[in-house]
C-alpha cells in the first residue's frame, strides 16, 4: 500500500483537485484507491457528495486515529491512500506527513509560492520523509516562468513530472464529482494526471508500506 500525502501551508495551490483526480486515475489504472480528507474545509468530502460513482471512497479521520485507519485500509487491500490536508500547519497535517510514503507539495510557478513552501520542506526534512514538488496552475505553452520555477524547486528537492497547466477540465470535473480522466479521458489534463500517477509509482517502488 502506498500512502500519498498532499501537503502545503499555502492555500490556492490546487491540492484537493490534484488529490481527487489522482485517486480516480489510480482506480482507472486498476488500483484500489481511497481518499482521506484531513482538511477542515472538506473539499474532497464535498466532491464525493456530488459524485455518482462509489469509488474511490472518501472519508475523514483525526491525527490520533490516522495510523489505525491506515492499518484497516491496508487490511482491506487498498493500493493507494491519497491524503488531502489543510493549507496550514496542524496536528493532522503533521500526522499525515509522518505516515506518508511520499509527500507532494503543489506549488504555483511564482516566487511567493516557492518561498511559502519552505516551512513545509523544513518539516519534511526534520521527519526524513520523501517529498516532491508538483508545479501546478502553470500557463500554457513554453514559458520562462515555468522553467525558472522548476530550476528553483530542483534546488530545494525533487520535482515531480509533469507540470500541470491551468485547464478548465479541473474546475468542471470537480463541480461534477469527477476526476479529470473521467471528464475528458483523452484531454491534456487527463494525460498530465496519468503521467503523475506513473511518476509516483516509480518513485514509491519498494515503499515501506508496500503490501
Protein backbone atom coordinates (compact mmCIF):
# COMPACT_ATOMS: atom_id res chain seq x y z
CA UNK A 1 0.00 0.00 0.00
CA UNK A 2 1.28 3.45 -0.93
CA UNK A 3 0.26 6.47 1.09
CA UNK A 4 0.50 9.77 -0.80
CA UNK A 5 0.01 12.97 1.20
CA UNK A 6 -0.69 16.31 -0.46
CA UNK A 7 0.67 19.00 1.82
CA UNK A 8 1.30 22.73 1.70
CA UNK A 9 0.99 25.66 4.06
CA UNK A 10 -0.40 27.90 1.33
CA UNK A 11 -3.94 27.87 0.02
CA UNK A 12 -4.97 28.09 -3.62
CA UNK A 13 -2.38 25.67 -4.97
CA UNK A 14 -4.92 23.12 -6.26
CA UNK A 15 -4.03 20.50 -3.66
CA UNK A 16 -7.51 19.00 -3.28
CA UNK A 17 -8.22 18.96 -7.01
CA UNK A 18 -4.99 17.09 -7.71
CA UNK A 19 -5.64 14.64 -4.86
CA UNK A 20 -9.08 13.56 -6.04
CA UNK A 21 -8.09 13.31 -9.71
CA UNK A 22 -5.05 11.24 -8.78
CA UNK A 23 -7.22 8.82 -6.79
CA UNK A 24 -9.67 8.49 -9.70
CA UNK A 25 -6.80 7.86 -12.13
CA UNK A 26 -5.42 5.18 -9.80
CA UNK A 27 -8.80 3.42 -9.80
CA UNK A 28 -8.97 3.59 -13.59
CA UNK A 29 -5.48 2.07 -13.77
CA UNK A 30 -6.71 -0.98 -11.86
CA UNK A 31 -5.62 0.03 -8.37
CA UNK A 32 -7.85 0.19 -5.31
CA UNK A 33 -7.73 3.79 -4.07
CA UNK A 34 -9.08 5.62 -1.02
CA UNK A 35 -9.09 9.32 -0.15
CA UNK A 36 -8.70 10.59 3.40
CA UNK A 37 -9.79 14.21 3.81
CA UNK A 38 -7.98 15.84 6.74
CA UNK A 39 -8.78 19.38 5.58
CA UNK A 40 -11.43 21.13 7.73
CA UNK A 41 -12.71 22.82 4.55
CA UNK A 42 -13.78 19.36 3.36
CA UNK A 43 -13.18 19.91 -0.36
CA UNK A 44 -12.72 16.19 -1.06
CA UNK A 45 -15.76 15.27 1.04
CA UNK A 46 -17.88 17.84 -0.79
CA UNK A 47 -16.62 16.47 -4.12
CA UNK A 48 -17.64 12.95 -3.09
CA UNK A 49 -21.13 14.15 -2.14
CA UNK A 50 -21.57 15.24 -5.78
CA UNK A 51 -20.12 12.03 -7.15
CA UNK A 52 -22.25 9.27 -8.70
CA UNK A 53 -19.60 6.54 -8.61
CA UNK A 54 -18.82 4.84 -5.30
CA UNK A 55 -15.07 4.61 -5.90
CA UNK A 56 -12.75 5.97 -4.81
CA UNK A 57 -14.31 6.34 -1.34
CA UNK A 58 -13.65 9.50 0.65
CA UNK A 59 -13.69 9.66 4.43
CA UNK A 60 -12.28 11.68 7.29
CA UNK A 61 -10.20 10.83 10.32
CA UNK A 62 -8.19 12.53 13.04
CA UNK A 63 -4.46 12.75 13.71
CA UNK A 64 -4.78 10.26 16.57
CA UNK A 65 -6.84 7.78 14.53
CA UNK A 66 -4.82 8.01 11.32
CA UNK A 67 -2.42 5.07 11.94
CA UNK A 68 -5.33 2.80 12.87
CA UNK A 69 -7.30 3.94 9.82
CA UNK A 70 -4.37 3.16 7.52
CA UNK A 71 -3.89 -0.27 9.08
CA UNK A 72 -7.56 -1.05 8.43
CA UNK A 73 -7.34 0.14 4.82
CA UNK A 74 -4.26 -1.98 4.21
CA UNK A 75 -6.11 -5.00 5.59
CA UNK A 76 -8.91 -4.32 3.10
CA UNK A 77 -6.48 -4.45 0.20
CA UNK A 78 -6.19 -0.80 -0.81
CA UNK A 79 -3.24 0.02 -3.07
CA UNK A 80 -3.23 3.82 -2.90
CA UNK A 81 -4.24 6.06 0.00
CA UNK A 82 -4.38 9.71 -1.01
CA UNK A 83 -4.47 12.16 1.89
CA UNK A 84 -5.64 15.75 1.48
CA UNK A 85 -4.56 18.10 4.25
CA UNK A 86 -5.28 21.64 5.39
CA UNK A 87 -3.36 24.54 3.85
CA UNK A 88 -1.73 25.25 7.19
CA UNK A 89 0.37 23.60 9.87
CA UNK A 90 -1.96 21.45 12.00
CA UNK A 91 -1.56 18.27 14.09
CA UNK A 92 -3.46 16.37 11.38
CA UNK A 93 -1.09 17.66 8.70
CA UNK A 94 1.93 16.64 10.76
CA UNK A 95 0.45 13.18 11.29
CA UNK A 96 -0.27 12.83 7.55
CA UNK A 97 3.34 13.73 6.77
CA UNK A 98 4.59 11.16 9.25
CA UNK A 99 2.69 8.22 7.73
CA UNK A 100 3.32 9.11 4.08
CA UNK A 101 5.42 7.11 1.68
CA UNK A 102 5.63 10.28 -0.42
CA UNK A 103 4.54 13.85 0.24
CA UNK A 104 3.59 16.02 -2.73
CA UNK A 105 3.80 19.80 -2.41
CA UNK A 106 1.74 21.61 -5.08
CA UNK A 107 3.35 24.94 -5.98
CA UNK A 108 2.35 27.58 -8.48
CA UNK A 109 5.21 28.96 -10.63
CA UNK A 110 5.70 32.12 -8.58
CA UNK A 111 8.38 33.24 -6.15
CA UNK A 112 5.77 33.77 -3.42
CA UNK A 113 4.59 30.15 -3.67
CA UNK A 114 8.14 28.83 -3.74
CA UNK A 115 9.06 30.84 -0.65
CA UNK A 116 5.84 29.75 1.10
CA UNK A 117 6.82 26.10 0.57
CA UNK A 118 10.00 26.41 2.65
CA UNK A 119 8.38 25.74 6.08
CA UNK A 120 6.74 22.59 4.68
CA UNK A 121 10.07 21.43 3.27
CA UNK A 122 11.77 22.10 6.62
CA UNK A 123 9.16 19.97 8.41
CA UNK A 124 9.56 17.12 5.94
CA UNK A 125 13.34 17.21 6.24
CA UNK A 126 13.09 17.03 10.03
CA UNK A 127 10.86 13.96 9.62
CA UNK A 128 13.18 12.46 6.98
CA UNK A 129 10.16 11.99 4.69
CA UNK A 130 10.50 11.72 0.91
CA UNK A 131 8.80 14.57 -0.92
CA UNK A 132 8.48 16.19 -4.32
CA UNK A 133 7.08 19.42 -5.67
CA UNK A 134 4.28 19.47 -8.22
CA UNK A 135 4.18 22.55 -10.42
CA UNK A 136 0.52 23.45 -10.77
CA UNK A 137 -1.57 26.23 -12.32
CA UNK A 138 1.09 26.81 -14.97
CA UNK A 139 0.45 28.96 -18.05
CA UNK A 140 0.07 27.08 -21.33
CA UNK A 141 2.97 26.79 -23.75
CA UNK A 142 6.69 27.24 -23.28
CA UNK A 143 7.18 29.77 -20.54
CA UNK A 144 10.28 31.06 -18.74
CA UNK A 145 8.33 31.32 -15.50
CA UNK A 146 7.81 27.53 -15.50
CA UNK A 147 11.46 26.90 -16.37
CA UNK A 148 12.72 29.24 -13.67
CA UNK A 149 10.34 27.82 -11.07
CA UNK A 150 11.41 24.28 -11.94
CA UNK A 151 15.07 25.18 -11.50
CA UNK A 152 14.40 26.84 -8.16
CA UNK A 153 12.38 23.87 -6.87
CA UNK A 154 15.02 21.40 -8.02
CA UNK A 155 17.50 23.11 -5.71
CA UNK A 156 15.11 22.52 -2.79
CA UNK A 157 14.18 18.90 -3.56
CA UNK A 158 12.73 16.64 -6.22
CA UNK A 159 10.33 17.92 -8.87
CA UNK A 160 7.54 15.56 -9.92
CA UNK A 161 6.55 15.14 -13.52
CA UNK A 162 4.75 16.64 -15.30
CA UNK A 163 3.95 20.31 -14.71
CA UNK A 164 0.20 20.95 -14.65
CA UNK A 165 -1.24 23.63 -16.90
CA UNK A 166 -4.27 25.63 -15.77
CA UNK A 167 -7.17 23.93 -17.54
CA UNK A 168 -10.95 24.23 -17.29
CA UNK A 169 -11.25 20.43 -17.03
CA UNK A 170 -10.10 20.54 -13.40
CA UNK A 171 -12.83 23.02 -12.43
CA UNK A 172 -15.52 21.30 -14.47
CA UNK A 173 -14.64 17.83 -13.20
CA UNK A 174 -14.66 18.92 -9.56
CA UNK A 175 -18.08 20.52 -9.98
CA UNK A 176 -19.48 17.23 -11.32
CA UNK A 177 -17.86 14.98 -8.72
CA UNK A 178 -15.45 13.59 -11.30
CA UNK A 179 -11.73 13.30 -11.88
CA UNK A 180 -10.27 14.93 -14.98
CA UNK A 181 -9.68 11.49 -16.51
CA UNK A 182 -13.45 10.98 -16.39
CA UNK A 183 -14.37 14.46 -17.56
CA UNK A 184 -12.32 14.16 -20.75
CA UNK A 185 -10.40 10.87 -20.93
CA UNK A 186 -8.38 11.99 -23.97
CA UNK A 187 -7.75 15.55 -22.79
CA UNK A 188 -4.44 17.11 -21.83
CA UNK A 189 -5.41 17.41 -18.16
CA UNK A 190 -6.16 13.69 -18.05
CA UNK A 191 -2.78 12.93 -19.63
CA UNK A 192 -1.00 15.04 -17.01
CA UNK A 193 -2.69 13.22 -14.12
CA UNK A 194 -1.87 9.81 -15.59
CA UNK A 195 1.76 10.86 -16.01
CA UNK A 196 1.88 11.96 -12.37
CA UNK A 197 0.45 8.60 -11.27
CA UNK A 198 3.10 6.84 -13.34
CA UNK A 199 5.83 9.02 -11.83
CA UNK A 200 4.58 8.29 -8.30
CA UNK A 201 4.52 4.57 -9.00
CA UNK A 202 8.18 4.62 -9.99
CA UNK A 203 9.17 6.96 -7.17
CA UNK A 204 7.49 4.87 -4.46
CA UNK A 205 8.52 1.46 -5.71
CA UNK A 206 9.57 -0.56 -2.69
CA UNK A 207 7.93 1.86 -0.26
CA UNK A 208 7.83 0.77 3.36
CA UNK A 209 4.01 0.36 3.29
CA UNK A 210 4.06 -1.89 0.24
CA UNK A 211 1.83 -4.92 0.60
